[in-house]
Amino acid sequence: MRVHVIPHDPFRPIPQKTQFRKDPSREARKFAGLENLVPIPSRDSPLRTRPAVRTLKLEAYTMGRITEWAARSDHLGGIPRKAVITAVGAFARAVANLCNKTTVHNADTLKTLVRSRPPGVPLITVSNHMSTLDDPVMWGGFKGLLSLDPELARWVLAAEDICFKNPVFSYIFRTAGKCIPITRGGGIYQEHMSEALDRLKDGSWLHTFPEGKVFQDDVPIRRLKWGTASLIARCPVTPIVLPIIHRGFDEMMPEKYLYGRRPPLPLWNRNLRVVVGEPIEFDVPMMVETAVSASRHVMVPPLQEARWPVLSVAGKELDETAQKCLYTALSEKIQSSLETLRLLAKRL
């Protein structure tokens, strides 16, 4: 039997049933069509494809991009944002102060930074993640914080698979919630991380959960994802980074309560505690120098192709290896500050 081998043709049309994955390169992500998708060939047949380790849904990704217009402050005169932020603020205050007892330590530090930090200097608050209601309930314990001008309210990175399930949720979270959809597992150079960076360039307040998911065990802070560190490094003006730890939210909204699921409404008569730390000091130029020096001693396979664009920080050009060293150092410093604050919160 003779076997005919068909050479690979890059211009051959891709079959309709081909599955795709996101291309992490920045250039390809600029396109909204199929240019930002890469077919993954199968070992069995050149006409079949196998999914990547994690196949992402194109529909959800496109929906998040489409609703970006809803996040603009001038959308419908800002009326939807003001109305829903007022309603969400009332809900958060009711859950935090009426249904439960919330104690906030060092609240003035956060309120001062939100209201009167230097113009053009962005603020990043980082916290542990204990429940799906951490945001907005944790802000309900700060007197006067949720009654601020909606333009001063925080932006927050929100999981795309939870908050952006359908067009209605997408519109609400985008317009009024000031949420930026993030695809978990999509990498630090996914499209909406650039949007988060734009908010920081405007001098806004951004809240992140750098652990990346809900953890309800009373254990040390886990290894942080690199997303927050990458925003700190890529921002032209180094943000003020403020750590926050909260406790008791796992009892208010447990992940496994009724038949292994969350309760339909927040539980009441719980003791909630929010502890605000002090701003974390970052000597970014020195950390860049250290990262570049450390990257020279990292063994990289000679045929390995770089997936990240070269980053210019503090006058230095950082390749992918140097960036990883820098993001690791930044993340470890944030993790250390959060862990110190967690231990303090346990003693209060």
Protein backbone atom coordinates (compact mmCIF):
# COMPACT_ATOMS: atom_id res chain seq x y z
CA MET A 1 0.00 0.00 0.00
CA ARG A 2 1.37 3.37 -0.97
CA VAL A 3 1.02 6.25 1.45
CA HIS A 4 0.75 9.77 0.09
CA VAL A 5 1.96 12.50 2.44
CA ILE A 6 0.28 15.83 1.86
CA PRO A 7 2.65 18.72 2.64
CA HIS A 8 1.38 21.40 4.99
CA ASP A 9 -0.10 24.36 3.13
CA PRO A 10 -0.36 27.53 5.29
CA PHE A 11 -2.96 28.94 2.90
CA ARG A 12 -5.29 25.94 3.09
CA PRO A 13 -8.76 26.95 4.41
CA ILE A 14 -9.33 25.93 8.01
CA PRO A 15 -12.23 23.45 8.50
CA GLN A 16 -15.29 24.86 10.24
CA LYS A 17 -15.10 22.42 13.17
CA THR A 18 -11.56 23.41 14.03
CA GLN A 19 -11.14 24.44 17.67
CA PHE A 20 -9.01 27.43 18.48
CA ARG A 21 -7.02 28.89 21.29
CA LYS A 22 -6.01 32.47 22.03
CA ASP A 23 -2.73 33.71 20.62
CA PRO A 24 -0.82 35.41 23.46
CA SER A 25 1.14 37.73 21.17
CA ARG A 26 0.22 41.39 21.44
CA GLU A 27 0.22 41.94 17.68
CA ALA A 28 -2.32 39.22 16.97
CA ARG A 29 -4.64 40.37 19.77
CA LYS A 30 -5.17 43.71 18.05
CA PHE A 31 -7.54 42.06 15.63
CA ALA A 32 -11.13 41.24 16.48
CA GLY A 33 -11.55 38.52 13.86
CA LEU A 34 -9.95 35.15 13.38
CA GLU A 35 -6.51 36.70 13.31
CA ASN A 36 -6.31 36.35 17.08
CA LEU A 37 -6.93 32.61 16.96
CA VAL A 38 -4.43 29.86 16.24
CA PRO A 39 -5.41 26.34 15.09
CA ILE A 40 -3.78 23.49 16.98
CA PRO A 41 -2.90 20.58 14.67
CA SER A 42 -3.75 17.05 15.75
CA ARG A 43 -1.42 14.09 15.67
CA ASP A 44 -4.11 12.00 13.97
CA SER A 45 -4.92 14.07 10.92
CA PRO A 46 -3.91 17.41 9.40
CA LEU A 47 -7.63 18.18 8.98
CA ARG A 48 -8.51 17.58 12.63
CA THR A 49 -7.42 19.62 15.59
CA ARG A 50 -7.08 19.00 19.27
CA PRO A 51 -7.99 21.62 21.92
CA ALA A 52 -5.31 23.39 23.91
CA VAL A 53 -4.78 22.67 27.59
CA ARG A 54 -7.48 25.22 28.19
CA THR A 55 -9.79 26.12 25.28
CA LEU A 56 -11.33 29.57 25.69
CA LYS A 57 -14.81 30.47 24.50
CA LEU A 58 -14.68 33.00 21.70
CA GLU A 59 -18.24 34.09 22.38
CA ALA A 60 -17.52 35.24 25.94
CA TYR A 61 -14.32 36.97 24.87
CA THR A 62 -16.06 38.86 22.07
CA MET A 63 -18.93 39.82 24.36
CA GLY A 64 -16.49 41.35 26.83
CA ARG A 65 -14.90 43.41 24.06
CA ILE A 66 -18.24 44.58 22.73
CA THR A 67 -19.40 45.84 26.13
CA GLU A 68 -16.30 47.95 26.58
CA TRP A 69 -18.32 50.95 25.43
CA ALA A 70 -20.61 50.46 28.43
CA ALA A 71 -17.70 51.17 30.81
CA ARG A 72 -17.32 54.75 29.61
CA SER A 73 -18.20 57.38 32.18
CA ASP A 74 -20.33 59.33 29.69
CA HIS A 75 -22.50 56.35 28.74
CA LEU A 76 -26.11 57.59 28.89
CA GLY A 77 -24.95 60.63 30.78
CA GLY A 78 -23.56 58.50 33.61
CA ILE A 79 -27.08 57.85 34.93
CA PRO A 80 -26.92 54.01 34.92
CA ARG A 81 -23.60 54.05 36.77
CA LYS A 82 -24.79 56.47 39.45
CA ALA A 83 -28.06 54.59 39.96
CA VAL A 84 -26.56 51.13 40.28
CA ILE A 85 -23.55 52.22 42.37
CA THR A 86 -26.03 53.83 44.79
CA ALA A 87 -28.08 50.62 44.93
CA VAL A 88 -25.03 48.38 45.31
CA GLY A 89 -23.65 50.68 48.00
CA ALA A 90 -26.90 50.43 49.94
CA PHE A 91 -26.82 46.63 49.63
CA ALA A 92 -23.19 46.46 50.80
CA ARG A 93 -23.85 48.70 53.80
CA ALA A 94 -26.92 46.66 54.76
CA VAL A 95 -25.05 43.34 54.60
CA ALA A 96 -21.97 44.71 56.39
CA ASN A 97 -23.64 46.76 59.11
CA LEU A 98 -27.26 45.64 59.54
CA CYS A 99 -27.17 41.91 58.82
CA ASN A 100 -23.67 41.46 60.24
CA LYS A 101 -21.19 43.28 62.45
CA THR A 102 -18.21 44.73 60.59
CA THR A 103 -15.12 46.22 62.21
CA VAL A 104 -12.66 48.20 60.09
CA HIS A 105 -9.13 48.96 61.28
CA ASN A 106 -7.07 51.83 59.83
CA ALA A 107 -9.91 52.94 57.54
CA ASP A 108 -8.61 56.52 57.30
CA THR A 109 -5.55 55.39 55.34
CA LEU A 110 -7.68 54.10 52.48
CA LYS A 111 -10.15 56.98 52.52
CA THR A 112 -7.32 59.52 52.45
CA LEU A 113 -5.63 57.84 49.50
CA VAL A 114 -8.90 57.57 47.59
CA ARG A 115 -9.84 61.22 48.13
CA SER A 116 -6.58 63.14 48.20
CA ARG A 117 -3.60 61.27 46.77
CA PRO A 118 -1.35 63.26 44.38
CA PRO A 119 -2.97 63.99 40.99
CA GLY A 120 -2.18 61.43 38.32
CA VAL A 121 -0.90 58.83 40.82
CA PRO A 122 -2.86 55.56 40.53
CA LEU A 123 -3.92 53.46 43.51
CA ILE A 124 -3.97 49.66 43.60
CA THR A 125 -5.57 47.92 46.55
CA VAL A 126 -4.81 44.20 46.94
CA SER A 127 -6.57 41.78 49.25
CA ASN A 128 -7.18 38.14 50.01
CA HIS A 129 -10.21 36.52 48.37
CA MET A 130 -12.58 34.69 50.73
CA SER A 131 -15.98 34.83 48.99
CA THR A 132 -17.80 35.95 45.89
CA LEU A 133 -19.17 38.91 47.87
CA ASP A 134 -15.85 40.30 49.09
CA ASP A 135 -16.44 43.14 46.67
CA PRO A 136 -18.66 45.11 47.31
CA VAL A 137 -19.46 44.07 50.93
CA MET A 138 -15.95 44.80 52.22
CA TRP A 139 -16.38 48.45 51.20
CA GLY A 140 -19.70 48.66 53.06
CA GLY A 141 -17.89 48.81 56.38
CA PHE A 142 -16.09 52.07 55.45
CA LYS A 143 -18.28 54.98 56.48
CA GLY A 144 -18.71 57.39 53.60
CA LEU A 145 -16.56 55.44 51.14
CA LEU A 146 -19.44 54.15 49.01
CA SER A 147 -21.13 57.56 48.90
CA LEU A 148 -18.24 59.04 46.91
CA ASP A 149 -18.47 60.40 43.39
CA PRO A 150 -18.81 57.36 41.08
CA GLU A 151 -15.75 58.59 39.23
CA LEU A 152 -13.69 58.06 42.40
CA ALA A 153 -15.05 54.56 43.00
CA ARG A 154 -12.75 51.63 42.42
CA TRP A 155 -12.31 49.63 39.24
CA VAL A 156 -11.99 45.91 39.86
CA LEU A 157 -10.72 42.92 37.91
CA ALA A 158 -13.59 40.42 37.67
CA ALA A 159 -13.65 36.83 36.44
CA GLU A 160 -15.16 36.65 32.98
CA ASP A 161 -16.73 33.23 33.56
CA ILE A 162 -18.65 34.48 36.63
CA CYS A 163 -19.56 38.12 36.03
CA PHE A 164 -19.87 38.09 32.25
CA LYS A 165 -21.95 35.00 31.59
CA ASN A 166 -24.50 36.76 29.38
CA PRO A 167 -25.15 40.19 27.82
CA VAL A 168 -27.28 41.35 30.77
CA PHE A 169 -24.59 40.58 33.35
CA SER A 170 -21.95 42.07 31.08
CA TYR A 171 -23.84 45.34 30.76
CA ILE A 172 -24.52 45.64 34.49
CA PHE A 173 -20.98 44.84 35.62
CA ARG A 174 -19.44 46.98 32.91
CA THR A 175 -21.68 50.02 33.26
CA ALA A 176 -22.28 50.27 36.97
CA GLY A 177 -19.90 47.82 38.56
CA LYS A 178 -16.79 49.33 36.94
CA CYS A 179 -15.59 45.78 36.36
CA ILE A 180 -12.91 44.75 33.88
CA PRO A 181 -13.38 41.19 32.59
CA ILE A 182 -10.38 38.93 33.06
CA THR A 183 -10.10 35.45 31.57
CA ARG A 184 -8.52 33.23 34.20
CA GLY A 185 -5.64 31.42 32.59
CA GLY A 186 -5.53 33.93 29.72
CA GLY A 187 -2.14 35.33 30.70
CA ILE A 188 -0.91 38.75 31.77
CA TYR A 189 -0.95 40.13 28.22
CA GLN A 190 -4.58 39.39 27.48
CA GLU A 191 -6.63 42.20 25.98
CA HIS A 192 -8.33 43.49 29.12
CA MET A 193 -5.13 43.72 31.13
CA SER A 194 -4.27 46.52 28.72
CA GLU A 195 -7.58 48.14 29.64
CA ALA A 196 -6.72 47.87 33.35
CA LEU A 197 -3.37 49.48 32.57
CA ASP A 198 -5.18 52.35 30.82
CA ARG A 199 -7.23 52.96 33.97
CA LEU A 200 -4.03 53.18 36.01
CA LYS A 201 -2.52 55.58 33.49
CA ASP A 202 -5.55 57.80 34.10
CA GLY A 203 -4.69 57.83 37.82
CA SER A 204 -7.68 55.72 38.86
CA TRP A 205 -8.18 53.33 41.76
CA LEU A 206 -8.01 49.62 40.87
CA HIS A 207 -8.73 46.72 43.22
CA THR A 208 -7.34 43.24 42.55
CA PHE A 209 -7.45 39.82 44.17
CA PRO A 210 -3.92 38.64 43.29
CA GLU A 211 -4.51 35.10 44.57
CA GLY A 212 -6.69 34.67 41.49
CA LYS A 213 -9.56 32.70 43.07
CA VAL A 214 -11.57 32.22 46.26
CA PHE A 215 -9.75 30.49 49.13
CA GLN A 216 -11.71 29.95 52.35
CA ASP A 217 -9.10 28.02 54.34
CA ASP A 218 -7.37 29.87 57.16
CA VAL A 219 -3.87 29.29 55.78
CA PRO A 220 -0.99 31.55 54.71
CA ILE A 221 -1.42 33.68 51.61
CA ARG A 222 -0.79 31.55 48.55
CA ARG A 223 1.56 32.30 45.69
CA LEU A 224 0.22 35.31 43.82
CA LYS A 225 -0.54 35.54 40.13
CA TRP A 226 1.65 37.88 38.11
CA GLY A 227 -1.16 40.12 36.82
CA THR A 228 -0.95 42.75 39.57
CA ALA A 229 2.86 42.79 39.43
CA SER A 230 2.79 43.29 35.67
CA LEU A 231 0.47 46.29 36.04
CA ILE A 232 2.83 47.85 38.60
CA ALA A 233 5.83 47.36 36.32
CA ARG A 234 4.14 48.51 33.11
CA CYS A 235 2.49 51.63 34.55
CA PRO A 236 4.45 54.84 33.70
CA VAL A 237 3.78 56.21 37.20
CA THR A 238 4.44 53.66 39.95
CA PRO A 239 1.08 53.08 41.67
CA ILE A 240 0.50 53.31 45.40
CA VAL A 241 -0.11 49.70 46.48
CA LEU A 242 -2.21 49.25 49.62
CA PRO A 243 -2.73 45.78 51.17
CA ILE A 244 -6.06 44.86 52.78
CA ILE A 245 -7.00 41.71 54.69
CA HIS A 246 -10.54 40.71 55.60
CA ARG A 247 -11.85 37.90 57.78
CA GLY A 248 -15.24 36.27 58.38
CA PHE A 249 -16.44 36.58 54.78
CA ASP A 250 -16.15 32.82 54.37
CA GLU A 251 -18.81 32.47 57.09
CA MET A 252 -21.07 35.06 55.47
CA MET A 253 -20.92 33.42 52.02
CA PRO A 254 -19.50 29.88 52.36
CA GLU A 255 -18.67 28.06 49.14
CA LYS A 256 -20.18 24.80 50.43
CA TYR A 257 -23.28 25.49 52.49
CA LEU A 258 -26.43 23.92 51.06
CA TYR A 259 -25.90 20.68 49.16
CA GLY A 260 -22.32 21.73 48.51
CA ARG A 261 -23.32 25.10 47.04
CA ARG A 262 -23.30 28.73 48.12
CA PRO A 263 -26.37 30.06 49.93
CA PRO A 264 -28.73 32.10 47.74
CA LEU A 265 -28.36 35.11 50.04
CA PRO A 266 -25.59 36.27 52.40
CA LEU A 267 -25.81 34.77 55.88
CA TRP A 268 -26.32 37.10 58.82
CA ASN A 269 -25.16 37.56 62.40
CA ARG A 270 -21.51 37.06 61.46
CA ASN A 271 -18.47 39.00 62.67
CA LEU A 272 -16.64 40.56 59.73
CA ARG A 273 -13.30 42.29 60.01
CA VAL A 274 -11.38 44.43 57.52
CA VAL A 275 -7.78 45.46 58.24
CA VAL A 276 -6.07 48.08 56.08
CA GLY A 277 -2.28 48.07 56.02
CA GLU A 278 0.22 50.71 55.03
CA PRO A 279 1.34 51.39 51.43
CA ILE A 280 4.01 49.02 50.13
CA GLU A 281 7.23 50.72 49.05
CA PHE A 282 8.66 49.60 45.70
CA ASP A 283 12.06 50.66 44.40
CA VAL A 284 11.22 49.70 40.83
CA PRO A 285 14.54 50.78 39.20
CA MET A 286 16.51 48.72 41.70
CA MET A 287 14.19 45.74 41.28
CA VAL A 288 14.58 46.00 37.50
CA GLU A 289 18.37 45.95 37.81
CA THR A 290 18.17 42.89 40.05
CA ALA A 291 15.77 41.13 37.67
CA VAL A 292 17.97 41.77 34.62
CA SER A 293 21.00 40.49 36.50
CA ALA A 294 19.17 37.39 37.75
CA SER A 295 17.79 36.60 34.27
CA ARG A 296 21.33 36.20 32.92
CA HIS A 297 21.75 33.13 35.12
CA VAL A 298 18.48 31.49 34.05
CA MET A 299 18.92 28.65 31.58
CA VAL A 300 16.56 29.05 28.60
CA PRO A 301 16.31 26.37 25.87
CA PRO A 302 17.95 27.79 22.73
CA LEU A 303 15.00 26.95 20.47
CA GLN A 304 12.33 28.28 22.82
CA GLU A 305 10.40 31.11 21.18
CA ALA A 306 9.60 34.19 23.27
CA ARG A 307 5.88 34.64 23.80
CA TRP A 308 5.91 38.03 25.52
CA PRO A 309 6.82 41.38 23.96
CA VAL A 310 9.97 43.15 25.14
CA LEU A 311 9.10 45.52 27.99
CA SER A 312 10.84 48.83 28.66
CA VAL A 313 10.98 49.65 32.39
CA ALA A 314 13.19 52.24 34.11
CA GLY A 315 15.30 52.65 30.98
CA LYS A 316 15.93 48.90 30.63
CA GLU A 317 14.73 46.49 27.95
CA LEU A 318 13.36 43.36 29.61
CA ASP A 319 12.91 40.14 27.70
CA GLU A 320 10.50 37.44 28.86
CA THR A 321 12.94 35.88 31.31
CA ALA A 322 13.78 39.21 32.94
CA GLN A 323 10.10 40.07 33.18
CA LYS A 324 9.39 36.82 34.98
CA CYS A 325 12.16 37.58 37.47
CA LEU A 326 10.75 41.08 38.04
CA TYR A 327 7.14 39.92 38.42
CA THR A 328 8.22 37.23 40.85
CA ALA A 329 10.03 39.77 43.02
CA LEU A 330 7.10 42.20 42.99
CA SER A 331 4.59 39.44 43.76
CA GLU A 332 6.67 38.05 46.62
CA LYS A 333 6.83 41.49 48.23
CA ILE A 334 3.05 41.90 47.99
CA GLN A 335 2.54 38.36 49.29
CA SER A 336 4.81 39.06 52.27
CA SER A 337 2.90 42.25 53.13
CA LEU A 338 -0.46 40.48 52.89
CA GLU A 339 0.76 37.60 55.08
CA THR A 340 2.08 39.99 57.75
CA LEU A 341 -1.27 41.77 57.72
CA ARG A 342 -3.15 38.45 57.89
CA LEU A 343 -1.29 37.47 61.05
CA LEU A 344 -2.05 40.86 62.56
CA ALA A 345 -5.73 40.51 61.72
CA LYS A 346 -5.87 37.17 63.55
CA ARG A 347 -4.64 38.81 66.75
CA LEU A 348 -7.06 41.75 66.64
